[in-house]
Amino acid sequence: MKIKCHLSTLMGKNKLTIKDVCEKTGLARNTISFLYHEKVKRIDFETLVKLCTFFDCKVEDILEFEKE
């Protein structure tokens, strides 16, 4: 089982860079970079709230549970 992160897709659709998202959400560059490259091991609720608010989306638009 795996959790897939769609942050890079959301950023691509909105033509945003990691720097853009950091500046507009107040999240650390490392946080966004790890999510973007799907190298994160855990995510904070506050991070999800900020991303969902910024992208005007639901958690399931950012994270997806995949059965292997």
PDB file of N, CA and C in Angstrom:
ATOM      1  N   MET A   1       0.832  -1.175   0.000  1.00  0.00           N
ATOM      2  CA  MET A   1       0.000   0.000   0.000  1.00  0.00           C
ATOM      3  C   MET A   1       0.879   1.240   0.000  1.00  0.00           C
ATOM      4  N   LYS A   2       0.412   2.264  -0.680  1.00  0.00           N
ATOM      5  CA  LYS A   2       1.213   3.462  -0.857  1.00  0.00           C
ATOM      6  C   LYS A   2       0.311   4.692  -0.884  1.00  0.00           C
ATOM      7  N   ILE A   3       0.828   5.784  -0.360  1.00  0.00           N
ATOM      8  CA  ILE A   3       0.139   7.062  -0.454  1.00  0.00           C
ATOM      9  C   ILE A   3       0.811   7.862  -1.558  1.00  0.00           C
ATOM     10  N   LYS A   4       0.044   8.273  -2.547  1.00  0.00           N
ATOM     11  CA  LYS A   4       0.561   9.053  -3.673  1.00  0.00           C
ATOM     12  C   LYS A   4       0.247  10.519  -3.434  1.00  0.00           C
ATOM     13  N   CYS A   5       1.212  11.396  -3.673  1.00  0.00           N
ATOM     14  CA  CYS A   5       1.032  12.829  -3.503  1.00  0.00           C
ATOM     15  C   CYS A   5       0.897  13.480  -4.884  1.00  0.00           C
ATOM     16  N   HIS A   6      -0.160  14.257  -5.051  1.00  0.00           N
ATOM     17  CA  HIS A   6      -0.437  14.912  -6.336  1.00  0.00           C
ATOM     18  C   HIS A   6      -0.079  16.396  -6.330  1.00  0.00           C
ATOM     19  N   LEU A   7       0.774  16.816  -5.401  1.00  0.00           N
ATOM     20  CA  LEU A   7       1.129  18.229  -5.328  1.00  0.00           C
ATOM     21  C   LEU A   7       1.780  18.706  -6.624  1.00  0.00           C
ATOM     22  N   SER A   8       2.658  17.914  -7.190  1.00  0.00           N
ATOM     23  CA  SER A   8       3.332  18.338  -8.428  1.00  0.00           C
ATOM     24  C   SER A   8       2.322  18.552  -9.554  1.00  0.00           C
ATOM     25  N   THR A   9       1.293  17.723  -9.613  1.00  0.00           N
ATOM     26  CA  THR A   9       0.251  17.869 -10.627  1.00  0.00           C
ATOM     27  C   THR A   9      -0.543  19.156 -10.408  1.00  0.00           C
ATOM     28  N   LEU A  10      -0.924  19.424  -9.157  1.00  0.00           N
ATOM     29  CA  LEU A  10      -1.647  20.657  -8.838  1.00  0.00           C
ATOM     30  C   LEU A  10      -0.801  21.880  -9.176  1.00  0.00           C
ATOM     31  N   MET A  11       0.469  21.819  -8.849  1.00  0.00           N
ATOM     32  CA  MET A  11       1.354  22.938  -9.140  1.00  0.00           C
ATOM     33  C   MET A  11       1.513  23.133 -10.645  1.00  0.00           C
ATOM     34  N   GLY A  12       1.627  22.047 -11.378  1.00  0.00           N
ATOM     35  CA  GLY A  12       1.758  22.131 -12.830  1.00  0.00           C
ATOM     36  C   GLY A  12       0.529  22.741 -13.480  1.00  0.00           C
ATOM     37  N   LYS A  13      -0.650  22.323 -13.036  1.00  0.00           N
ATOM     38  CA  LYS A  13      -1.897  22.863 -13.593  1.00  0.00           C
ATOM     39  C   LYS A  13      -2.007  24.364 -13.368  1.00  0.00           C
ATOM     40  N   ASN A  14      -1.447  24.829 -12.247  1.00  0.00           N
ATOM     41  CA  ASN A  14      -1.517  26.244 -11.893  1.00  0.00           C
ATOM     42  C   ASN A  14      -0.239  27.003 -12.248  1.00  0.00           C
ATOM     43  N   LYS A  15       0.688  26.319 -12.925  1.00  0.00           N
ATOM     44  CA  LYS A  15       1.964  26.911 -13.349  1.00  0.00           C
ATOM     45  C   LYS A  15       2.692  27.587 -12.187  1.00  0.00           C
ATOM     46  N   LEU A  16       2.835  26.838 -11.097  1.00  0.00           N
ATOM     47  CA  LEU A  16       3.485  27.343  -9.898  1.00  0.00           C
ATOM     48  C   LEU A  16       4.803  26.615  -9.654  1.00  0.00           C
ATOM     49  N   THR A  17       5.757  27.325  -9.109  1.00  0.00           N
ATOM     50  CA  THR A  17       7.030  26.720  -8.716  1.00  0.00           C
ATOM     51  C   THR A  17       6.992  26.412  -7.225  1.00  0.00           C
ATOM     52  N   ILE A  18       7.977  25.670  -6.775  1.00  0.00           N
ATOM     53  CA  ILE A  18       8.094  25.382  -5.343  1.00  0.00           C
ATOM     54  C   ILE A  18       8.211  26.703  -4.577  1.00  0.00           C
ATOM     55  N   LYS A  19       8.989  27.624  -5.118  1.00  0.00           N
ATOM     56  CA  LYS A  19       9.159  28.934  -4.486  1.00  0.00           C
ATOM     57  C   LYS A  19       7.816  29.663  -4.362  1.00  0.00           C
ATOM     58  N   ASP A  20       7.002  29.629  -5.418  1.00  0.00           N
ATOM     59  CA  ASP A  20       5.685  30.282  -5.387  1.00  0.00           C
ATOM     60  C   ASP A  20       4.833  29.741  -4.246  1.00  0.00           C
ATOM     61  N   VAL A  21       4.772  28.417  -4.143  1.00  0.00           N
ATOM     62  CA  VAL A  21       3.931  27.783  -3.121  1.00  0.00           C
ATOM     63  C   VAL A  21       4.454  28.105  -1.722  1.00  0.00           C
ATOM     64  N   CYS A  22       5.757  28.093  -1.552  1.00  0.00           N
ATOM     65  CA  CYS A  22       6.352  28.440  -0.250  1.00  0.00           C
ATOM     66  C   CYS A  22       5.978  29.853   0.159  1.00  0.00           C
ATOM     67  N   GLU A  23       6.151  30.792  -0.758  1.00  0.00           N
ATOM     68  CA  GLU A  23       5.866  32.199  -0.457  1.00  0.00           C
ATOM     69  C   GLU A  23       4.386  32.435  -0.161  1.00  0.00           C
ATOM     70  N   LYS A  24       3.507  31.756  -0.874  1.00  0.00           N
ATOM     71  CA  LYS A  24       2.074  32.010  -0.733  1.00  0.00           C
ATOM     72  C   LYS A  24       1.419  31.239   0.409  1.00  0.00           C
ATOM     73  N   THR A  25       2.060  30.157   0.863  1.00  0.00           N
ATOM     74  CA  THR A  25       1.486  29.367   1.962  1.00  0.00           C
ATOM     75  C   THR A  25       2.221  29.570   3.279  1.00  0.00           C
ATOM     76  N   GLY A  26       3.456  30.041   3.205  1.00  0.00           N
ATOM     77  CA  GLY A  26       4.269  30.179   4.406  1.00  0.00           C
ATOM     78  C   GLY A  26       4.918  28.875   4.839  1.00  0.00           C
ATOM     79  N   LEU A  27       4.790  27.836   4.022  1.00  0.00           N
ATOM     80  CA  LEU A  27       5.401  26.542   4.332  1.00  0.00           C
ATOM     81  C   LEU A  27       6.869  26.547   3.936  1.00  0.00           C
ATOM     82  N   ALA A  28       7.656  25.744   4.623  1.00  0.00           N
ATOM     83  CA  ALA A  28       9.092  25.663   4.356  1.00  0.00           C
ATOM     84  C   ALA A  28       9.360  25.049   2.985  1.00  0.00           C
ATOM     85  N   ARG A  29      10.432  25.510   2.359  1.00  0.00           N
ATOM     86  CA  ARG A  29      10.807  24.999   1.044  1.00  0.00           C
ATOM     87  C   ARG A  29      11.027  23.482   1.072  1.00  0.00           C
ATOM     88  N   ASN A  30      11.675  22.982   2.119  1.00  0.00           N
ATOM     89  CA  ASN A  30      11.908  21.537   2.226  1.00  0.00           C
ATOM     90  C   ASN A  30      10.590  20.772   2.275  1.00  0.00           C
ATOM     91  N   THR A  31       9.617  21.297   2.985  1.00  0.00           N
ATOM     92  CA  THR A  31       8.302  20.632   3.087  1.00  0.00           C
ATOM     93  C   THR A  31       7.681  20.487   1.708  1.00  0.00           C
ATOM     94  N   ILE A  32       7.651  21.578   0.955  1.00  0.00           N
ATOM     95  CA  ILE A  32       7.057  21.556  -0.383  1.00  0.00           C
ATOM     96  C   ILE A  32       7.882  20.677  -1.319  1.00  0.00           C
ATOM     97  N   SER A  33       9.190  20.780  -1.236  1.00  0.00           N
ATOM     98  CA  SER A  33      10.067  19.990  -2.098  1.00  0.00           C
ATOM     99  C   SER A  33       9.889  18.493  -1.863  1.00  0.00           C
ATOM    100  N   PHE A  34       9.849  18.076  -0.601  1.00  0.00           N
ATOM    101  CA  PHE A  34       9.655  16.652  -0.293  1.00  0.00           C
ATOM    102  C   PHE A  34       8.299  16.155  -0.788  1.00  0.00           C
ATOM    103  N   LEU A  35       7.265  16.951  -0.625  1.00  0.00           N
ATOM    104  CA  LEU A  35       5.939  16.564  -1.125  1.00  0.00           C
ATOM    105  C   LEU A  35       5.936  16.515  -2.654  1.00  0.00           C
ATOM    106  N   TYR A  36       6.527  17.508  -3.270  1.00  0.00           N
ATOM    107  CA  TYR A  36       6.579  17.599  -4.733  1.00  0.00           C
ATOM    108  C   TYR A  36       7.263  16.363  -5.331  1.00  0.00           C
ATOM    109  N   HIS A  37       8.352  15.951  -4.705  1.00  0.00           N
ATOM    110  CA  HIS A  37       9.124  14.809  -5.205  1.00  0.00           C
ATOM    111  C   HIS A  37       8.704  13.479  -4.577  1.00  0.00           C
ATOM    112  N   GLU A  38       7.629  13.498  -3.794  1.00  0.00           N
ATOM    113  CA  GLU A  38       7.075  12.312  -3.129  1.00  0.00           C
ATOM    114  C   GLU A  38       8.120  11.575  -2.288  1.00  0.00           C
ATOM    115  N   LYS A  39       8.876  12.338  -1.513  1.00  0.00           N
ATOM    116  CA  LYS A  39       9.893  11.753  -0.635  1.00  0.00           C
ATOM    117  C   LYS A  39       9.546  11.959   0.832  1.00  0.00           C
ATOM    118  N   VAL A  40       8.329  12.357   1.094  1.00  0.00           N
ATOM    119  CA  VAL A  40       7.893  12.637   2.460  1.00  0.00           C
ATOM    120  C   VAL A  40       7.434  11.346   3.132  1.00  0.00           C
ATOM    121  N   LYS A  41       7.711  11.226   4.410  1.00  0.00           N
ATOM    122  CA  LYS A  41       7.304  10.039   5.165  1.00  0.00           C
ATOM    123  C   LYS A  41       6.059  10.303   6.003  1.00  0.00           C
ATOM    124  N   ARG A  42       5.816  11.577   6.313  1.00  0.00           N
ATOM    125  CA  ARG A  42       4.607  11.949   7.063  1.00  0.00           C
ATOM    126  C   ARG A  42       4.286  13.402   6.732  1.00  0.00           C
ATOM    127  N   ILE A  43       3.029  13.766   6.985  1.00  0.00           N
ATOM    128  CA  ILE A  43       2.594  15.128   6.697  1.00  0.00           C
ATOM    129  C   ILE A  43       1.769  15.646   7.869  1.00  0.00           C
ATOM    130  N   ASP A  44       1.988  16.880   8.194  1.00  0.00           N
ATOM    131  CA  ASP A  44       1.311  17.533   9.310  1.00  0.00           C
ATOM    132  C   ASP A  44      -0.074  18.016   8.857  1.00  0.00           C
ATOM    133  N   PHE A  45      -1.052  17.954   9.743  1.00  0.00           N
ATOM    134  CA  PHE A  45      -2.397  18.438   9.413  1.00  0.00           C
ATOM    135  C   PHE A  45      -2.371  19.909   9.005  1.00  0.00           C
ATOM    136  N   GLU A  46      -1.559  20.703   9.683  1.00  0.00           N
ATOM    137  CA  GLU A  46      -1.460  22.132   9.368  1.00  0.00           C
ATOM    138  C   GLU A  46      -0.979  22.338   7.924  1.00  0.00           C
ATOM    139  N   THR A  47      -0.048  21.507   7.494  1.00  0.00           N
ATOM    140  CA  THR A  47       0.448  21.574   6.121  1.00  0.00           C
ATOM    141  C   THR A  47      -0.675  21.271   5.143  1.00  0.00           C
ATOM    142  N   LEU A  48      -1.445  20.226   5.415  1.00  0.00           N
ATOM    143  CA  LEU A  48      -2.576  19.881   4.548  1.00  0.00           C
ATOM    144  C   LEU A  48      -3.605  20.998   4.494  1.00  0.00           C
ATOM    145  N   VAL A  49      -3.894  21.601   5.640  1.00  0.00           N
ATOM    146  CA  VAL A  49      -4.873  22.699   5.688  1.00  0.00           C
ATOM    147  C   VAL A  49      -4.386  23.860   4.821  1.00  0.00           C
ATOM    148  N   LYS A  50      -3.126  24.224   4.947  1.00  0.00           N
ATOM    149  CA  LYS A  50      -2.583  25.333   4.167  1.00  0.00           C
ATOM    150  C   LYS A  50      -2.615  25.033   2.670  1.00  0.00           C
ATOM    151  N   LEU A  51      -2.257  23.810   2.288  1.00  0.00           N
ATOM    152  CA  LEU A  51      -2.269  23.443   0.874  1.00  0.00           C
ATOM    153  C   LEU A  51      -3.694  23.382   0.318  1.00  0.00           C
ATOM    154  N   CYS A  52      -4.604  22.798   1.076  1.00  0.00           N
ATOM    155  CA  CYS A  52      -5.998  22.717   0.625  1.00  0.00           C
ATOM    156  C   CYS A  52      -6.622  24.105   0.497  1.00  0.00           C
ATOM    157  N   THR A  53      -6.294  24.981   1.430  1.00  0.00           N
ATOM    158  CA  THR A  53      -6.808  26.349   1.376  1.00  0.00           C
ATOM    159  C   THR A  53      -6.230  27.079   0.165  1.00  0.00           C
ATOM    160  N   PHE A  54      -4.929  26.963  -0.032  1.00  0.00           N
ATOM    161  CA  PHE A  54      -4.267  27.643  -1.148  1.00  0.00           C
ATOM    162  C   PHE A  54      -4.789  27.162  -2.504  1.00  0.00           C
ATOM    163  N   PHE A  55      -4.901  25.846  -2.680  1.00  0.00           N
ATOM    164  CA  PHE A  55      -5.349  25.291  -3.956  1.00  0.00           C
ATOM    165  C   PHE A  55      -6.871  25.177  -4.059  1.00  0.00           C
ATOM    166  N   ASP A  56      -7.579  25.530  -2.983  1.00  0.00           N
ATOM    167  CA  ASP A  56      -9.037  25.425  -2.930  1.00  0.00           C
ATOM    168  C   ASP A  56      -9.474  24.010  -3.345  1.00  0.00           C
ATOM    169  N   CYS A  57      -8.928  23.036  -2.619  1.00  0.00           N
ATOM    170  CA  CYS A  57      -9.202  21.644  -2.945  1.00  0.00           C
ATOM    171  C   CYS A  57      -9.429  20.834  -1.676  1.00  0.00           C
ATOM    172  N   LYS A  58      -9.677  19.555  -1.851  1.00  0.00           N
ATOM    173  CA  LYS A  58      -9.868  18.626  -0.739  1.00  0.00           C
ATOM    174  C   LYS A  58      -8.584  17.826  -0.529  1.00  0.00           C
ATOM    175  N   VAL A  59      -8.474  17.221   0.644  1.00  0.00           N
ATOM    176  CA  VAL A  59      -7.291  16.400   0.962  1.00  0.00           C
ATOM    177  C   VAL A  59      -7.090  15.328  -0.107  1.00  0.00           C
ATOM    178  N   GLU A  60      -8.171  14.707  -0.562  1.00  0.00           N
ATOM    179  CA  GLU A  60      -8.041  13.631  -1.547  1.00  0.00           C
ATOM    180  C   GLU A  60      -7.571  14.131  -2.908  1.00  0.00           C
ATOM    181  N   ASP A  61      -7.581  15.451  -3.133  1.00  0.00           N
ATOM    182  CA  ASP A  61      -6.996  16.005  -4.354  1.00  0.00           C
ATOM    183  C   ASP A  61      -5.477  16.065  -4.241  1.00  0.00           C
ATOM    184  N   ILE A  62      -4.965  16.048  -3.029  1.00  0.00           N
ATOM    185  CA  ILE A  62      -3.519  16.107  -2.781  1.00  0.00           C
ATOM    186  C   ILE A  62      -2.949  14.726  -2.524  1.00  0.00           C
ATOM    187  N   LEU A  63      -3.639  13.943  -1.709  1.00  0.00           N
ATOM    188  CA  LEU A  63      -3.156  12.616  -1.328  1.00  0.00           C
ATOM    189  C   LEU A  63      -4.111  11.531  -1.801  1.00  0.00           C
ATOM    190  N   GLU A  64      -3.548  10.435  -2.269  1.00  0.00           N
ATOM    191  CA  GLU A  64      -4.358   9.303  -2.739  1.00  0.00           C
ATOM    192  C   GLU A  64      -3.779   8.006  -2.186  1.00  0.00           C
ATOM    193  N   PHE A  65      -4.631   7.168  -1.669  1.00  0.00           N
ATOM    194  CA  PHE A  65      -4.235   5.866  -1.160  1.00  0.00           C
ATOM    195  C   PHE A  65      -4.277   4.882  -2.313  1.00  0.00           C
ATOM    196  N   GLU A  66      -3.150   4.232  -2.584  1.00  0.00           N
ATOM    197  CA  GLU A  66      -3.060   3.245  -3.667  1.00  0.00           C
ATOM    198  C   GLU A  66      -2.804   1.867  -3.087  1.00  0.00           C
ATOM    199  N   LYS A  67      -3.605   0.908  -3.490  1.00  0.00           N
ATOM    200  CA  LYS A  67      -3.340  -0.488  -3.123  1.00  0.00           C
ATOM    201  C   LYS A  67      -2.358  -1.033  -4.141  1.00  0.00           C
ATOM    202  N   GLU A  68      -1.378  -1.764  -3.642  1.00  0.00           N
ATOM    203  CA  GLU A  68      -0.363  -2.332  -4.554  1.00  0.00           C
ATOM    204  C   GLU A  68      -0.754  -3.715  -5.009  1.00  0.00           C
TER     205      GLU A  68
END
